[in-house]
Amino acid sequence: MKRIEFYKSVKIAGMLLYIPLILAAGPLSGYFIGDYLVKKIHFPLFVLLVFIIAGFAAALMETIRIIKLALRVEGKSGRNNP
């Protein structure tokens, strides 16, 4: 039984450690896509800001999804939560 609890704890820790990577990758990918569109296709400069904000919003939504999933896994573990 302790082994199952250990693996669930590792799974939760892995999911939560993934969050900073997601929060960094969203705006960075938005920046690179927006920069490409501004430089190569000559879109207006505000497109860069729009893509950065969209990347941050997508990263935030994914972060919320991961936190909900981690809480669901923790709830299934059978721990007594005060």
C-alpha atoms as a PDB file:
ATOM      1  CA  MET A   1       0.000   0.000   0.000  1.00  0.00           C
ATOM      2  CA  LYS A   2       2.843   2.396   0.784  1.00  0.00           C
ATOM      3  CA  ARG A   3       4.332   1.721  -2.627  1.00  0.00           C
ATOM      4  CA  ILE A   4       1.137   2.838  -4.365  1.00  0.00           C
ATOM      5  CA  GLU A   5       1.053   6.003  -2.257  1.00  0.00           C
ATOM      6  CA  PHE A   6       4.693   6.687  -3.132  1.00  0.00           C
ATOM      7  CA  TYR A   7       4.016   6.371  -6.868  1.00  0.00           C
ATOM      8  CA  LYS A   8       0.996   8.654  -6.605  1.00  0.00           C
ATOM      9  CA  SER A   9       3.110  11.234  -4.766  1.00  0.00           C
ATOM     10  CA  VAL A  10       5.779  11.043  -7.459  1.00  0.00           C
ATOM     11  CA  LYS A  11       3.126  11.416 -10.151  1.00  0.00           C
ATOM     12  CA  ILE A  12       1.692  14.519  -8.466  1.00  0.00           C
ATOM     13  CA  ALA A  13       5.166  16.009  -7.973  1.00  0.00           C
ATOM     14  CA  GLY A  14       5.986  15.390 -11.634  1.00  0.00           C
ATOM     15  CA  MET A  15       2.837  17.120 -12.787  1.00  0.00           C
ATOM     16  CA  LEU A  16       3.408  20.113 -10.530  1.00  0.00           C
ATOM     17  CA  LEU A  17       7.070  20.451 -11.520  1.00  0.00           C
ATOM     18  CA  TYR A  18       5.936  20.692 -15.137  1.00  0.00           C
ATOM     19  CA  ILE A  19       4.050  23.959 -14.460  1.00  0.00           C
ATOM     20  CA  PRO A  20       7.018  26.403 -14.637  1.00  0.00           C
ATOM     21  CA  LEU A  21       8.021  24.958 -18.000  1.00  0.00           C
ATOM     22  CA  ILE A  22       4.519  25.500 -19.341  1.00  0.00           C
ATOM     23  CA  LEU A  23       4.336  29.046 -17.973  1.00  0.00           C
ATOM     24  CA  ALA A  24       7.624  29.903 -19.706  1.00  0.00           C
ATOM     25  CA  ALA A  25       6.923  28.110 -22.975  1.00  0.00           C
ATOM     26  CA  GLY A  26       3.550  29.759 -23.664  1.00  0.00           C
ATOM     27  CA  PRO A  27       4.677  33.387 -23.910  1.00  0.00           C
ATOM     28  CA  LEU A  28       7.983  32.377 -25.543  1.00  0.00           C
ATOM     29  CA  SER A  29       6.236  30.496 -28.311  1.00  0.00           C
ATOM     30  CA  GLY A  30       3.857  33.437 -28.745  1.00  0.00           C
ATOM     31  CA  TYR A  31       6.862  35.743 -29.023  1.00  0.00           C
ATOM     32  CA  PHE A  32       8.585  33.620 -31.662  1.00  0.00           C
ATOM     33  CA  ILE A  33       5.437  33.211 -33.749  1.00  0.00           C
ATOM     34  CA  GLY A  34       4.583  36.902 -33.473  1.00  0.00           C
ATOM     35  CA  ASP A  35       8.165  37.939 -34.258  1.00  0.00           C
ATOM     36  CA  TYR A  36       8.161  35.718 -37.334  1.00  0.00           C
ATOM     37  CA  LEU A  37       4.899  37.220 -38.576  1.00  0.00           C
ATOM     38  CA  VAL A  38       6.118  40.777 -37.975  1.00  0.00           C
ATOM     39  CA  LYS A  39       9.506  40.317 -39.640  1.00  0.00           C
ATOM     40  CA  LYS A  40       8.757  37.942 -42.519  1.00  0.00           C
ATOM     41  CA  ILE A  41       5.142  38.699 -43.426  1.00  0.00           C
ATOM     42  CA  HIS A  42       5.265  42.372 -42.304  1.00  0.00           C
ATOM     43  CA  PHE A  43       2.298  42.260 -39.965  1.00  0.00           C
ATOM     44  CA  PRO A  44       1.786  45.258 -37.662  1.00  0.00           C
ATOM     45  CA  LEU A  45       3.861  45.271 -34.479  1.00  0.00           C
ATOM     46  CA  PHE A  46       0.875  44.839 -32.138  1.00  0.00           C
ATOM     47  CA  VAL A  47       0.487  41.288 -33.504  1.00  0.00           C
ATOM     48  CA  LEU A  48       3.563  40.375 -31.471  1.00  0.00           C
ATOM     49  CA  LEU A  49       1.858  41.515 -28.263  1.00  0.00           C
ATOM     50  CA  VAL A  50      -1.347  39.689 -29.196  1.00  0.00           C
ATOM     51  CA  PHE A  51       0.529  36.399 -29.665  1.00  0.00           C
ATOM     52  CA  ILE A  52       2.449  36.818 -26.397  1.00  0.00           C
ATOM     53  CA  ILE A  53      -0.809  37.412 -24.506  1.00  0.00           C
ATOM     54  CA  ALA A  54      -2.445  34.455 -26.264  1.00  0.00           C
ATOM     55  CA  GLY A  55       0.520  32.255 -25.333  1.00  0.00           C
ATOM     56  CA  PHE A  56       0.287  33.343 -21.717  1.00  0.00           C
ATOM     57  CA  ALA A  57      -3.468  32.685 -21.660  1.00  0.00           C
ATOM     58  CA  ALA A  58      -2.975  29.208 -23.110  1.00  0.00           C
ATOM     59  CA  ALA A  59      -0.241  28.484 -20.565  1.00  0.00           C
ATOM     60  CA  LEU A  60      -2.494  29.663 -17.743  1.00  0.00           C
ATOM     61  CA  MET A  61      -5.363  27.435 -18.908  1.00  0.00           C
ATOM     62  CA  GLU A  62      -3.010  24.444 -19.140  1.00  0.00           C
ATOM     63  CA  THR A  63      -1.662  25.198 -15.660  1.00  0.00           C
ATOM     64  CA  ILE A  64      -5.181  25.220 -14.228  1.00  0.00           C
ATOM     65  CA  ARG A  65      -5.903  21.922 -15.974  1.00  0.00           C
ATOM     66  CA  ILE A  66      -2.775  20.324 -14.510  1.00  0.00           C
ATOM     67  CA  ILE A  67      -3.574  21.555 -10.997  1.00  0.00           C
ATOM     68  CA  LYS A  68      -7.099  20.123 -11.239  1.00  0.00           C
ATOM     69  CA  LEU A  69      -5.669  16.817 -12.480  1.00  0.00           C
ATOM     70  CA  ALA A  70      -3.156  16.716  -9.612  1.00  0.00           C
ATOM     71  CA  LEU A  71      -5.917  17.392  -7.100  1.00  0.00           C
ATOM     72  CA  ARG A  72      -8.023  14.619  -8.649  1.00  0.00           C
ATOM     73  CA  VAL A  73      -5.114  12.155  -8.391  1.00  0.00           C
ATOM     74  CA  GLU A  74      -4.503  13.188  -4.780  1.00  0.00           C
ATOM     75  CA  GLY A  75      -8.193  12.743  -3.975  1.00  0.00           C
ATOM     76  CA  LYS A  76      -8.157   9.206  -5.348  1.00  0.00           C
ATOM     77  CA  SER A  77      -5.178   8.304  -3.189  1.00  0.00           C
ATOM     78  CA  GLY A  78      -7.401   7.855  -0.140  1.00  0.00           C
ATOM     79  CA  ARG A  79      -5.559  10.293   2.077  1.00  0.00           C
ATOM     80  CA  ASN A  80      -7.387  12.005   4.885  1.00  0.00           C
ATOM     81  CA  ASN A  81      -7.377  15.672   3.979  1.00  0.00           C
ATOM     82  CA  PRO A  82      -8.060  17.983   6.943  1.00  0.00           C
END
